[in-house]
Amino acid sequence: MLEKMGEFFDNRLAGYDEHQLNCIASAREFYPFTASCLPMDEAAEVLDLGCGTGLELEEYYRLNPTARVTGIDLAPGMLAALKAKFSDKAIRLIQGSYFAVPLGKECYDAAVSVESLHHFTQEEKIPLYRKLRQALREGGYFILTDYFALSDAEEQYHRAELLRLKKEQGIADDAFYHYDTPLTVQHETEALHHGGFAHVEILGQWGATFTLKAE
């Protein structure tokens, strides 16, 4: 049975960190790697899309304890856990959809998202990436670590399966429901370019998980 996105994650909060680190291949490598790609300047301003419990931020704060982070997530329980972890840090948390929350203009030195954006279509992502590009300062960049479909056929299968399940379960609203529908790296890169990022490169790969940098 499909669950609404925020409820899905809050319902799994108790074992979430352990699951992410121990059940996702190479997670103990790609979380630290992602953190190492973020700015190390004192009081760097970083936006985290779909921050969850902040596994990437645990690593980032070890490298840059003065960083100032804004985290956006749908799940209130996740945000409460994150706030408890980093009560001594400069962190601002917003409950909501990063598609709907205003991101501002030229507010951040970098943005990051880990294991969150694989739930959405290219068409949904392009307006988000336009908004994100405007929120970055000159010289700012976006680090995306996520897992991707390895073929067009795989991408199309996951999207068709989500639509089938929604129809089967009588779901007709526009709310986000949890089901993984990753794009290919090529289609993700196209979305980033359409969103205004001039250059996209692959920084790392662990099987189907990639780290992309968009500037």
N, C-alpha and C. Protein backbone atom coordinates (compact mmCIF):
# COMPACT_ATOMS: atom_id res chain seq x y z
N MET A 1 0.85 -1.20 0.00
CA MET A 1 0.00 0.00 0.00
C MET A 1 0.89 1.25 0.00
N LEU A 2 0.65 2.14 -0.96
CA LEU A 2 1.41 3.38 -1.02
C LEU A 2 1.11 4.26 0.18
N GLU A 3 2.13 4.93 0.71
CA GLU A 3 1.97 5.86 1.82
C GLU A 3 2.40 7.26 1.37
N LYS A 4 1.76 8.27 1.93
CA LYS A 4 2.19 9.63 1.65
C LYS A 4 3.63 9.81 2.12
N MET A 5 4.36 10.65 1.40
CA MET A 5 5.81 10.71 1.56
C MET A 5 6.25 10.99 3.00
N GLY A 6 5.73 12.05 3.59
CA GLY A 6 6.15 12.39 4.95
C GLY A 6 5.80 11.31 5.95
N GLU A 7 4.61 10.73 5.82
CA GLU A 7 4.18 9.67 6.73
C GLU A 7 5.04 8.43 6.57
N PHE A 8 5.43 8.12 5.34
CA PHE A 8 6.28 6.95 5.10
C PHE A 8 7.56 7.04 5.92
N PHE A 9 8.21 8.20 5.87
CA PHE A 9 9.49 8.32 6.56
C PHE A 9 9.33 8.42 8.08
N ASP A 10 8.33 9.13 8.54
CA ASP A 10 8.11 9.22 9.98
C ASP A 10 7.75 7.85 10.56
N ASN A 11 7.03 7.03 9.81
CA ASN A 11 6.67 5.70 10.29
C ASN A 11 7.88 4.79 10.44
N ARG A 12 9.00 5.16 9.84
CA ARG A 12 10.22 4.35 9.90
C ARG A 12 11.35 5.07 10.63
N LEU A 13 10.99 6.08 11.40
CA LEU A 13 11.99 6.92 12.04
C LEU A 13 12.90 6.15 13.00
N ALA A 14 12.32 5.23 13.77
CA ALA A 14 13.08 4.55 14.82
C ALA A 14 14.32 3.86 14.27
N GLY A 15 14.22 3.23 13.13
CA GLY A 15 15.37 2.52 12.59
C GLY A 15 15.94 3.13 11.33
N TYR A 16 15.61 4.39 11.09
CA TYR A 16 15.95 4.99 9.81
C TYR A 16 17.46 5.10 9.59
N ASP A 17 18.19 5.67 10.54
CA ASP A 17 19.63 5.86 10.36
C ASP A 17 20.33 4.53 10.15
N GLU A 18 19.99 3.56 10.96
CA GLU A 18 20.62 2.25 10.85
C GLU A 18 20.33 1.63 9.48
N HIS A 19 19.09 1.76 9.04
CA HIS A 19 18.73 1.21 7.72
C HIS A 19 19.51 1.89 6.62
N GLN A 20 19.54 3.21 6.64
CA GLN A 20 20.23 3.94 5.58
C GLN A 20 21.70 3.56 5.49
N LEU A 21 22.35 3.45 6.64
CA LEU A 21 23.79 3.21 6.67
C LEU A 21 24.15 1.76 6.40
N ASN A 22 23.29 0.84 6.81
CA ASN A 22 23.66 -0.57 6.76
C ASN A 22 22.97 -1.36 5.66
N CYS A 23 21.87 -0.85 5.14
CA CYS A 23 21.11 -1.61 4.13
C CYS A 23 21.22 -1.02 2.73
N ILE A 24 21.75 0.18 2.61
CA ILE A 24 21.95 0.78 1.29
C ILE A 24 23.42 0.63 0.92
N ALA A 25 23.67 -0.01 -0.20
CA ALA A 25 25.04 -0.29 -0.61
C ALA A 25 25.89 0.98 -0.67
N SER A 26 27.05 0.93 -0.04
CA SER A 26 28.06 2.00 -0.09
C SER A 26 27.64 3.28 0.62
N ALA A 27 26.58 3.24 1.44
CA ALA A 27 26.13 4.46 2.13
C ALA A 27 27.22 5.02 3.03
N ARG A 28 27.98 4.16 3.66
CA ARG A 28 29.05 4.64 4.55
C ARG A 28 30.19 5.29 3.78
N GLU A 29 30.16 5.16 2.46
CA GLU A 29 31.13 5.85 1.61
C GLU A 29 30.53 7.14 1.03
N PHE A 30 29.28 7.04 0.53
CA PHE A 30 28.79 8.22 -0.20
C PHE A 30 28.31 9.34 0.71
N TYR A 31 27.90 9.05 1.95
CA TYR A 31 27.56 10.17 2.85
C TYR A 31 28.79 11.02 3.17
N PRO A 32 29.91 10.42 3.61
CA PRO A 32 31.11 11.24 3.85
C PRO A 32 31.62 11.92 2.58
N PHE A 33 31.56 11.22 1.46
CA PHE A 33 32.03 11.83 0.21
C PHE A 33 31.20 13.06 -0.13
N THR A 34 29.89 12.95 0.00
CA THR A 34 29.02 14.09 -0.28
C THR A 34 29.37 15.28 0.61
N ALA A 35 29.57 15.01 1.90
CA ALA A 35 29.93 16.08 2.83
C ALA A 35 31.23 16.75 2.43
N SER A 36 32.17 15.97 1.94
CA SER A 36 33.48 16.53 1.56
C SER A 36 33.40 17.44 0.35
N CYS A 37 32.29 17.37 -0.41
CA CYS A 37 32.12 18.20 -1.60
C CYS A 37 31.51 19.57 -1.27
N LEU A 38 31.06 19.76 -0.05
CA LEU A 38 30.41 21.00 0.35
C LEU A 38 31.44 22.04 0.78
N PRO A 39 31.07 23.32 0.80
CA PRO A 39 32.06 24.37 1.10
C PRO A 39 32.59 24.31 2.52
N MET A 40 33.88 24.60 2.65
CA MET A 40 34.55 24.55 3.95
C MET A 40 34.82 25.95 4.51
N ASP A 41 34.32 26.97 3.84
CA ASP A 41 34.50 28.33 4.35
C ASP A 41 33.78 28.50 5.67
N GLU A 42 34.31 29.36 6.52
CA GLU A 42 33.68 29.64 7.81
C GLU A 42 32.28 30.21 7.59
N ALA A 43 31.30 29.67 8.32
CA ALA A 43 29.90 30.12 8.25
C ALA A 43 29.31 29.99 6.85
N ALA A 44 29.77 29.01 6.10
CA ALA A 44 29.18 28.77 4.77
C ALA A 44 27.68 28.49 4.90
N GLU A 45 26.91 29.05 3.99
CA GLU A 45 25.46 28.87 3.99
C GLU A 45 25.10 27.73 3.03
N VAL A 46 24.47 26.69 3.56
CA VAL A 46 24.16 25.50 2.77
C VAL A 46 22.68 25.15 2.92
N LEU A 47 22.05 24.82 1.81
CA LEU A 47 20.66 24.40 1.78
C LEU A 47 20.61 22.89 1.55
N ASP A 48 19.85 22.17 2.39
CA ASP A 48 19.71 20.72 2.27
C ASP A 48 18.27 20.38 1.91
N LEU A 49 18.07 19.84 0.71
CA LEU A 49 16.74 19.47 0.23
C LEU A 49 16.44 18.03 0.60
N GLY A 50 15.39 17.83 1.39
CA GLY A 50 15.07 16.49 1.86
C GLY A 50 16.07 16.03 2.89
N CYS A 51 16.29 16.84 3.90
CA CYS A 51 17.40 16.63 4.85
C CYS A 51 17.22 15.40 5.73
N GLY A 52 15.98 14.94 5.93
CA GLY A 52 15.77 13.77 6.77
C GLY A 52 16.36 13.94 8.16
N THR A 53 17.07 12.93 8.63
CA THR A 53 17.72 13.00 9.94
C THR A 53 19.14 13.54 9.86
N GLY A 54 19.55 13.96 8.66
CA GLY A 54 20.82 14.66 8.54
C GLY A 54 22.06 13.80 8.53
N LEU A 55 22.01 12.63 7.90
CA LEU A 55 23.19 11.77 7.86
C LEU A 55 24.35 12.44 7.13
N GLU A 56 24.07 13.18 6.07
CA GLU A 56 25.15 13.90 5.40
C GLU A 56 25.65 15.06 6.24
N LEU A 57 24.75 15.64 7.06
CA LEU A 57 25.15 16.76 7.90
C LEU A 57 26.01 16.33 9.07
N GLU A 58 25.82 15.11 9.58
CA GLU A 58 26.73 14.60 10.61
C GLU A 58 28.16 14.65 10.11
N GLU A 59 28.36 14.22 8.88
CA GLU A 59 29.70 14.23 8.30
C GLU A 59 30.16 15.66 8.00
N TYR A 60 29.24 16.47 7.51
CA TYR A 60 29.62 17.84 7.13
C TYR A 60 30.02 18.66 8.35
N TYR A 61 29.28 18.56 9.43
CA TYR A 61 29.61 19.34 10.62
C TYR A 61 30.95 18.93 11.22
N ARG A 62 31.37 17.68 11.00
CA ARG A 62 32.71 17.29 11.45
C ARG A 62 33.79 18.04 10.68
N LEU A 63 33.49 18.29 9.40
CA LEU A 63 34.46 18.98 8.54
C LEU A 63 34.36 20.49 8.67
N ASN A 64 33.15 21.00 8.86
CA ASN A 64 32.94 22.44 8.95
C ASN A 64 31.92 22.74 10.05
N PRO A 65 32.36 22.78 11.29
CA PRO A 65 31.43 22.98 12.41
C PRO A 65 30.77 24.34 12.43
N THR A 66 31.28 25.30 11.64
CA THR A 66 30.69 26.64 11.63
C THR A 66 29.65 26.82 10.54
N ALA A 67 29.42 25.80 9.74
CA ALA A 67 28.47 25.92 8.63
C ALA A 67 27.08 26.29 9.15
N ARG A 68 26.37 27.04 8.32
CA ARG A 68 25.00 27.44 8.64
C ARG A 68 24.08 26.74 7.63
N VAL A 69 23.23 25.87 8.13
CA VAL A 69 22.44 24.98 7.27
C VAL A 69 20.95 25.30 7.38
N THR A 70 20.28 25.32 6.23
CA THR A 70 18.83 25.34 6.17
C THR A 70 18.38 24.00 5.61
N GLY A 71 17.55 23.27 6.36
CA GLY A 71 17.07 21.97 5.93
C GLY A 71 15.58 21.98 5.70
N ILE A 72 15.15 21.36 4.60
CA ILE A 72 13.73 21.27 4.26
C ILE A 72 13.35 19.80 4.16
N ASP A 73 12.23 19.43 4.80
CA ASP A 73 11.77 18.05 4.72
C ASP A 73 10.27 18.01 4.99
N LEU A 74 9.60 17.03 4.41
CA LEU A 74 8.17 16.86 4.62
C LEU A 74 7.82 16.26 5.97
N ALA A 75 8.74 15.49 6.56
CA ALA A 75 8.43 14.66 7.72
C ALA A 75 8.77 15.36 9.03
N PRO A 76 7.79 15.72 9.85
CA PRO A 76 8.08 16.43 11.11
C PRO A 76 8.92 15.60 12.08
N GLY A 77 8.71 14.30 12.11
CA GLY A 77 9.50 13.47 13.00
C GLY A 77 10.97 13.46 12.64
N MET A 78 11.25 13.42 11.35
CA MET A 78 12.63 13.48 10.88
C MET A 78 13.28 14.80 11.30
N LEU A 79 12.55 15.89 11.14
CA LEU A 79 13.10 17.19 11.50
C LEU A 79 13.35 17.30 13.00
N ALA A 80 12.46 16.72 13.81
CA ALA A 80 12.66 16.74 15.26
C ALA A 80 13.92 15.97 15.63
N ALA A 81 14.15 14.83 14.99
CA ALA A 81 15.35 14.05 15.25
C ALA A 81 16.60 14.81 14.83
N LEU A 82 16.51 15.49 13.71
CA LEU A 82 17.64 16.27 13.23
C LEU A 82 17.95 17.43 14.17
N LYS A 83 16.91 18.11 14.62
CA LYS A 83 17.11 19.23 15.55
C LYS A 83 17.78 18.77 16.84
N ALA A 84 17.38 17.59 17.33
CA ALA A 84 17.97 17.06 18.55
C ALA A 84 19.44 16.72 18.35
N LYS A 85 19.81 16.25 17.18
CA LYS A 85 21.20 15.91 16.90
C LYS A 85 22.10 17.14 16.93
N PHE A 86 21.59 18.24 16.39
CA PHE A 86 22.43 19.41 16.15
C PHE A 86 21.93 20.64 16.90
N SER A 87 21.56 20.45 18.14
CA SER A 87 21.03 21.55 18.94
C SER A 87 22.06 22.67 19.15
N ASP A 88 23.33 22.34 18.98
CA ASP A 88 24.39 23.34 19.20
C ASP A 88 24.88 23.97 17.90
N LYS A 89 24.19 23.67 16.78
CA LYS A 89 24.64 24.17 15.49
C LYS A 89 23.70 25.25 14.95
N ALA A 90 24.23 26.01 13.99
CA ALA A 90 23.42 27.03 13.32
C ALA A 90 22.61 26.35 12.23
N ILE A 91 21.44 25.87 12.60
CA ILE A 91 20.63 25.13 11.64
C ILE A 91 19.18 25.61 11.73
N ARG A 92 18.60 25.83 10.56
CA ARG A 92 17.20 26.28 10.46
C ARG A 92 16.43 25.20 9.71
N LEU A 93 15.34 24.74 10.27
CA LEU A 93 14.60 23.63 9.69
C LEU A 93 13.20 24.08 9.26
N ILE A 94 12.79 23.64 8.09
CA ILE A 94 11.51 24.01 7.51
C ILE A 94 10.75 22.74 7.15
N GLN A 95 9.56 22.58 7.72
CA GLN A 95 8.73 21.44 7.34
C GLN A 95 7.88 21.82 6.13
N GLY A 96 8.03 21.07 5.07
CA GLY A 96 7.26 21.34 3.87
C GLY A 96 7.90 20.68 2.66
N SER A 97 7.28 20.90 1.52
CA SER A 97 7.80 20.38 0.26
C SER A 97 8.79 21.38 -0.33
N TYR A 98 9.95 20.91 -0.71
CA TYR A 98 10.90 21.84 -1.32
C TYR A 98 10.42 22.34 -2.68
N PHE A 99 9.39 21.71 -3.23
CA PHE A 99 8.79 22.25 -4.44
C PHE A 99 7.98 23.51 -4.14
N ALA A 100 7.45 23.61 -2.92
CA ALA A 100 6.56 24.72 -2.56
C ALA A 100 7.24 25.79 -1.70
N VAL A 101 8.22 25.41 -0.90
CA VAL A 101 8.86 26.37 0.01
C VAL A 101 9.68 27.38 -0.79
N PRO A 102 9.50 28.68 -0.56
CA PRO A 102 10.35 29.68 -1.22
C PRO A 102 11.81 29.51 -0.79
N LEU A 103 12.72 29.57 -1.74
CA LEU A 103 14.14 29.39 -1.42
C LEU A 103 14.91 30.70 -1.40
N GLY A 104 14.28 31.77 -1.86
CA GLY A 104 14.94 33.07 -1.84
C GLY A 104 15.87 33.27 -3.03
N LYS A 105 16.56 34.39 -3.03
CA LYS A 105 17.47 34.75 -4.12
C LYS A 105 18.88 34.93 -3.57
N GLU A 106 19.82 34.24 -4.13
CA GLU A 106 21.25 34.37 -3.81
C GLU A 106 21.49 34.30 -2.31
N CYS A 107 20.96 33.25 -1.70
CA CYS A 107 21.05 33.08 -0.25
C CYS A 107 22.12 32.07 0.18
N TYR A 108 22.52 31.17 -0.72
CA TYR A 108 23.32 30.01 -0.31
C TYR A 108 24.60 29.87 -1.13
N ASP A 109 25.62 29.39 -0.46
CA ASP A 109 26.88 29.08 -1.13
C ASP A 109 26.83 27.73 -1.83
N ALA A 110 26.00 26.85 -1.33
CA ALA A 110 25.83 25.53 -1.95
C ALA A 110 24.51 24.93 -1.50
N ALA A 111 24.05 23.95 -2.26
CA ALA A 111 22.89 23.15 -1.88
C ALA A 111 23.26 21.69 -2.01
N VAL A 112 22.53 20.86 -1.28
CA VAL A 112 22.82 19.43 -1.30
C VAL A 112 21.51 18.66 -1.18
N SER A 113 21.46 17.49 -1.77
CA SER A 113 20.34 16.58 -1.58
C SER A 113 20.87 15.15 -1.68
N VAL A 114 20.48 14.32 -0.72
CA VAL A 114 20.95 12.93 -0.70
C VAL A 114 19.75 11.99 -0.58
N GLU A 115 19.62 11.08 -1.53
CA GLU A 115 18.61 10.03 -1.49
C GLU A 115 17.19 10.58 -1.27
N SER A 116 16.86 11.64 -1.99
CA SER A 116 15.53 12.24 -1.86
C SER A 116 14.86 12.46 -3.21
N LEU A 117 15.59 12.95 -4.19
CA LEU A 117 14.98 13.41 -5.43
C LEU A 117 14.63 12.28 -6.40
N HIS A 118 14.96 11.04 -6.06
CA HIS A 118 14.64 9.93 -6.97
C HIS A 118 13.15 9.58 -6.97
N HIS A 119 12.35 10.35 -6.26
CA HIS A 119 10.90 10.09 -6.24
C HIS A 119 10.13 10.92 -7.26
N PHE A 120 10.81 11.74 -8.06
CA PHE A 120 10.10 12.74 -8.85
C PHE A 120 10.50 12.70 -10.32
N THR A 121 9.59 13.22 -11.15
CA THR A 121 9.81 13.21 -12.60
C THR A 121 10.71 14.37 -13.03
N GLN A 122 11.19 14.25 -14.25
CA GLN A 122 11.97 15.33 -14.84
C GLN A 122 11.15 16.61 -14.90
N GLU A 123 9.87 16.48 -15.27
CA GLU A 123 8.99 17.65 -15.39
C GLU A 123 8.79 18.34 -14.04
N GLU A 124 8.74 17.57 -12.97
CA GLU A 124 8.60 18.15 -11.64
C GLU A 124 9.89 18.82 -11.19
N LYS A 125 11.02 18.26 -11.60
CA LYS A 125 12.31 18.76 -11.11
C LYS A 125 12.75 20.05 -11.78
N ILE A 126 12.41 20.25 -13.03
CA ILE A 126 12.94 21.42 -13.74
C ILE A 126 12.55 22.73 -13.05
N PRO A 127 11.28 22.96 -12.68
CA PRO A 127 10.97 24.20 -11.95
C PRO A 127 11.69 24.29 -10.61
N LEU A 128 11.86 23.16 -9.93
CA LEU A 128 12.61 23.16 -8.67
C LEU A 128 14.05 23.59 -8.91
N TYR A 129 14.67 23.08 -9.96
CA TYR A 129 16.06 23.42 -10.23
C TYR A 129 16.20 24.88 -10.66
N ARG A 130 15.21 25.42 -11.33
CA ARG A 130 15.23 26.86 -11.65
C ARG A 130 15.23 27.67 -10.36
N LYS A 131 14.35 27.29 -9.46
CA LYS A 131 14.24 27.98 -8.17
C LYS A 131 15.53 27.84 -7.37
N LEU A 132 16.10 26.65 -7.40
CA LEU A 132 17.34 26.38 -6.67
C LEU A 132 18.49 27.20 -7.25
N ARG A 133 18.58 27.25 -8.56
CA ARG A 133 19.65 28.01 -9.20
C ARG A 133 19.59 29.48 -8.76
N GLN A 134 18.39 30.03 -8.67
CA GLN A 134 18.25 31.42 -8.26
C GLN A 134 18.62 31.62 -6.79
N ALA A 135 18.50 30.57 -5.99
CA ALA A 135 18.80 30.68 -4.56
C ALA A 135 20.30 30.63 -4.27
N LEU A 136 21.10 30.23 -5.26
CA LEU A 136 22.54 30.12 -5.06
C LEU A 136 23.24 31.44 -5.40
N ARG A 137 24.24 31.74 -4.61
CA ARG A 137 25.05 32.92 -4.88
C ARG A 137 25.97 32.67 -6.08
N GLU A 138 26.57 33.73 -6.57
CA GLU A 138 27.54 33.59 -7.66
C GLU A 138 28.65 32.63 -7.22
N GLY A 139 28.93 31.66 -8.05
CA GLY A 139 29.93 30.66 -7.70
C GLY A 139 29.37 29.50 -6.89
N GLY A 140 28.08 29.57 -6.56
CA GLY A 140 27.45 28.50 -5.79
C GLY A 140 27.20 27.26 -6.64
N TYR A 141 26.94 26.15 -5.98
CA TYR A 141 26.76 24.89 -6.72
C TYR A 141 25.85 23.95 -5.94
N PHE A 142 25.41 22.92 -6.63
CA PHE A 142 24.48 21.93 -6.08
C PHE A 142 25.12 20.55 -6.15
N ILE A 143 25.17 19.87 -5.00
CA ILE A 143 25.66 18.50 -4.92
C ILE A 143 24.47 17.57 -4.75
N LEU A 144 24.30 16.67 -5.71
CA LEU A 144 23.20 15.71 -5.69
C LEU A 144 23.77 14.30 -5.61
N THR A 145 23.50 13.62 -4.49
CA THR A 145 23.85 12.21 -4.36
C THR A 145 22.56 11.42 -4.29
N ASP A 146 22.38 10.52 -5.24
CA ASP A 146 21.12 9.79 -5.32
C ASP A 146 21.35 8.52 -6.13
N TYR A 147 20.35 7.68 -6.15
CA TYR A 147 20.48 6.52 -7.03
C TYR A 147 19.64 6.74 -8.27
N PHE A 148 20.12 6.18 -9.37
CA PHE A 148 19.58 6.47 -10.68
C PHE A 148 19.23 5.19 -11.42
N ALA A 149 18.28 5.30 -12.33
CA ALA A 149 18.00 4.20 -13.24
C ALA A 149 19.19 4.03 -14.18
N LEU A 150 19.51 2.80 -14.50
CA LEU A 150 20.67 2.54 -15.35
C LEU A 150 20.29 2.37 -16.82
N SER A 151 19.00 2.55 -17.12
CA SER A 151 18.56 2.51 -18.52
C SER A 151 17.23 3.25 -18.64
N ASP A 152 16.90 3.66 -19.85
CA ASP A 152 15.61 4.28 -20.09
C ASP A 152 14.48 3.32 -19.74
N ALA A 153 14.67 2.04 -20.06
CA ALA A 153 13.63 1.04 -19.79
C ALA A 153 13.35 0.92 -18.30
N GLU A 154 14.41 0.96 -17.50
CA GLU A 154 14.23 0.90 -16.04
C GLU A 154 13.48 2.12 -15.53
N GLU A 155 13.85 3.28 -16.03
CA GLU A 155 13.17 4.52 -15.63
C GLU A 155 11.69 4.45 -15.97
N GLN A 156 11.38 4.03 -17.18
CA GLN A 156 9.99 3.97 -17.63
C GLN A 156 9.19 2.94 -16.84
N TYR A 157 9.82 1.83 -16.50
CA TYR A 157 9.14 0.79 -15.73
C TYR A 157 8.70 1.31 -14.36
N HIS A 158 9.61 1.97 -13.65
CA HIS A 158 9.28 2.46 -12.30
C HIS A 158 8.15 3.49 -12.35
N ARG A 159 8.19 4.37 -13.32
CA ARG A 159 7.14 5.39 -13.42
C ARG A 159 5.79 4.74 -13.73
N ALA A 160 5.79 3.79 -14.66
CA ALA A 160 4.54 3.10 -15.01
C ALA A 160 4.00 2.31 -13.83
N GLU A 161 4.90 1.74 -13.03
CA GLU A 161 4.46 0.94 -11.89
C GLU A 161 3.83 1.83 -10.82
N LEU A 162 4.38 3.01 -10.60
CA LEU A 162 3.77 3.94 -9.65
C LEU A 162 2.36 4.32 -10.11
N LEU A 163 2.22 4.65 -11.37
CA LEU A 163 0.90 5.03 -11.88
C LEU A 163 -0.08 3.87 -11.78
N ARG A 164 0.40 2.66 -12.02
CA ARG A 164 -0.47 1.48 -11.89
C ARG A 164 -0.94 1.30 -10.46
N LEU A 165 -0.02 1.44 -9.51
CA LEU A 165 -0.37 1.25 -8.10
C LEU A 165 -1.36 2.33 -7.63
N LYS A 166 -1.15 3.56 -8.07
CA LYS A 166 -2.08 4.63 -7.68
C LYS A 166 -3.48 4.36 -8.22
N LYS A 167 -3.56 3.90 -9.45
CA LYS A 167 -4.86 3.58 -10.03
C LYS A 167 -5.49 2.41 -9.30
N GLU A 168 -4.71 1.38 -9.02
CA GLU A 168 -5.21 0.18 -8.34
C GLU A 168 -5.73 0.51 -6.95
N GLN A 169 -5.07 1.48 -6.27
CA GLN A 169 -5.45 1.84 -4.91
C GLN A 169 -6.40 3.03 -4.86
N GLY A 170 -6.85 3.49 -6.00
CA GLY A 170 -7.82 4.58 -6.05
C GLY A 170 -7.28 5.90 -5.58
N ILE A 171 -5.99 6.15 -5.80
CA ILE A 171 -5.35 7.41 -5.37
C ILE A 171 -5.43 8.40 -6.53
N ALA A 172 -6.14 9.49 -6.30
CA ALA A 172 -6.33 10.47 -7.38
C ALA A 172 -5.83 11.86 -7.00
N ASP A 173 -5.37 12.06 -5.76
CA ASP A 173 -4.93 13.41 -5.37
C ASP A 173 -3.52 13.67 -5.89
N ASP A 174 -3.05 14.90 -5.67
CA ASP A 174 -1.74 15.30 -6.17
C ASP A 174 -0.65 15.22 -5.10
N ALA A 175 -0.95 14.61 -3.96
CA ALA A 175 0.04 14.48 -2.91
C ALA A 175 1.16 13.55 -3.37
N PHE A 176 2.34 13.71 -2.74
CA PHE A 176 3.47 12.85 -3.06
C PHE A 176 3.35 11.54 -2.28
N TYR A 177 3.42 10.43 -3.00
CA TYR A 177 3.38 9.11 -2.38
C TYR A 177 4.74 8.44 -2.57
N HIS A 178 5.14 7.70 -1.54
CA HIS A 178 6.47 7.11 -1.60
C HIS A 178 6.52 5.92 -2.55
N TYR A 179 7.30 6.09 -3.59
CA TYR A 179 7.63 5.00 -4.50
C TYR A 179 8.82 5.48 -5.31
N ASP A 180 9.85 4.65 -5.41
CA ASP A 180 11.09 5.10 -6.06
C ASP A 180 10.92 5.10 -7.58
N THR A 181 11.17 6.26 -8.18
CA THR A 181 11.07 6.41 -9.63
C THR A 181 12.30 7.17 -10.14
N PRO A 182 13.47 6.58 -10.02
CA PRO A 182 14.69 7.30 -10.40
C PRO A 182 14.78 7.57 -11.89
N LEU A 183 15.35 8.71 -12.23
CA LEU A 183 15.69 9.02 -13.62
C LEU A 183 17.03 8.39 -13.96
N THR A 184 17.37 8.38 -15.24
CA THR A 184 18.74 8.08 -15.63
C THR A 184 19.60 9.31 -15.34
N VAL A 185 20.90 9.11 -15.25
CA VAL A 185 21.80 10.25 -15.06
C VAL A 185 21.65 11.24 -16.21
N GLN A 186 21.48 10.74 -17.42
CA GLN A 186 21.31 11.63 -18.56
C GLN A 186 20.08 12.51 -18.40
N HIS A 187 18.96 11.93 -18.00
CA HIS A 187 17.74 12.72 -17.85
C HIS A 187 17.82 13.67 -16.66
N GLU A 188 18.51 13.26 -15.60
CA GLU A 188 18.74 14.16 -14.46
C GLU A 188 19.59 15.35 -14.89
N THR A 189 20.62 15.06 -15.66
CA THR A 189 21.50 16.12 -16.16
C THR A 189 20.73 17.09 -17.05
N GLU A 190 19.86 16.55 -17.90
CA GLU A 190 19.02 17.42 -18.74
C GLU A 190 18.14 18.32 -17.89
N ALA A 191 17.56 17.78 -16.82
CA ALA A 191 16.71 18.59 -15.94
C ALA A 191 17.51 19.72 -15.31
N LEU A 192 18.72 19.41 -14.88
CA LEU A 192 19.58 20.44 -14.27
C LEU A 192 19.94 21.52 -15.28
N HIS A 193 20.26 21.13 -16.50
CA HIS A 193 20.55 22.12 -17.54
C HIS A 193 19.32 22.99 -17.82
N HIS A 194 18.16 22.37 -17.93
CA HIS A 194 16.93 23.13 -18.18
C HIS A 194 16.63 24.07 -17.00
N GLY A 195 17.09 23.69 -15.82
CA GLY A 195 16.90 24.53 -14.64
C GLY A 195 17.87 25.68 -14.54
N GLY A 196 18.84 25.75 -15.46
CA GLY A 196 19.74 26.90 -15.49
C GLY A 196 21.17 26.62 -15.08
N PHE A 197 21.48 25.37 -14.76
CA PHE A 197 22.86 25.02 -14.42
C PHE A 197 23.65 24.80 -15.70
N ALA A 198 24.79 25.47 -15.82
CA ALA A 198 25.56 25.44 -17.07
C ALA A 198 26.42 24.20 -17.19
N HIS A 199 26.88 23.68 -16.06
CA HIS A 199 27.83 22.57 -16.10
C HIS A 199 27.44 21.53 -15.07
N VAL A 200 27.35 20.27 -15.49
CA VAL A 200 27.04 19.15 -14.60
C VAL A 200 28.09 18.08 -14.79
N GLU A 201 28.68 17.62 -13.70
CA GLU A 201 29.69 16.56 -13.80
C GLU A 201 29.45 15.49 -12.75
N ILE A 202 29.91 14.29 -13.04
CA ILE A 202 29.85 13.18 -12.10
C ILE A 202 31.11 13.21 -11.25
N LEU A 203 30.94 13.30 -9.94
CA LEU A 203 32.08 13.31 -9.02
C LEU A 203 32.38 11.93 -8.45
N GLY A 204 31.36 11.09 -8.35
CA GLY A 204 31.56 9.77 -7.77
C GLY A 204 30.46 8.82 -8.18
N GLN A 205 30.76 7.51 -8.09
CA GLN A 205 29.75 6.50 -8.42
C GLN A 205 29.98 5.27 -7.56
N TRP A 206 28.87 4.72 -7.04
CA TRP A 206 28.86 3.47 -6.28
C TRP A 206 27.69 2.65 -6.82
N GLY A 207 27.94 1.81 -7.80
CA GLY A 207 26.85 1.07 -8.42
C GLY A 207 25.89 2.03 -9.11
N ALA A 208 24.62 2.00 -8.69
CA ALA A 208 23.61 2.88 -9.28
C ALA A 208 23.52 4.23 -8.57
N THR A 209 24.32 4.43 -7.55
CA THR A 209 24.34 5.71 -6.82
C THR A 209 25.45 6.59 -7.38
N PHE A 210 25.10 7.84 -7.68
CA PHE A 210 26.05 8.80 -8.24
C PHE A 210 26.04 10.06 -7.40
N THR A 211 27.17 10.77 -7.40
CA THR A 211 27.21 12.14 -6.91
C THR A 211 27.45 13.06 -8.11
N LEU A 212 26.50 13.97 -8.32
CA LEU A 212 26.62 14.96 -9.39
C LEU A 212 26.88 16.33 -8.78
N LYS A 213 27.64 17.13 -9.51
CA LYS A 213 27.85 18.53 -9.14
C LYS A 213 27.35 19.40 -10.26
N ALA A 214 26.42 20.30 -9.94
CA ALA A 214 25.85 21.21 -10.92
C ALA A 214 26.25 22.63 -10.56
N GLU A 215 26.83 23.32 -11.55
CA GLU A 215 27.30 24.70 -11.33
C GLU A 215 26.64 25.62 -12.36
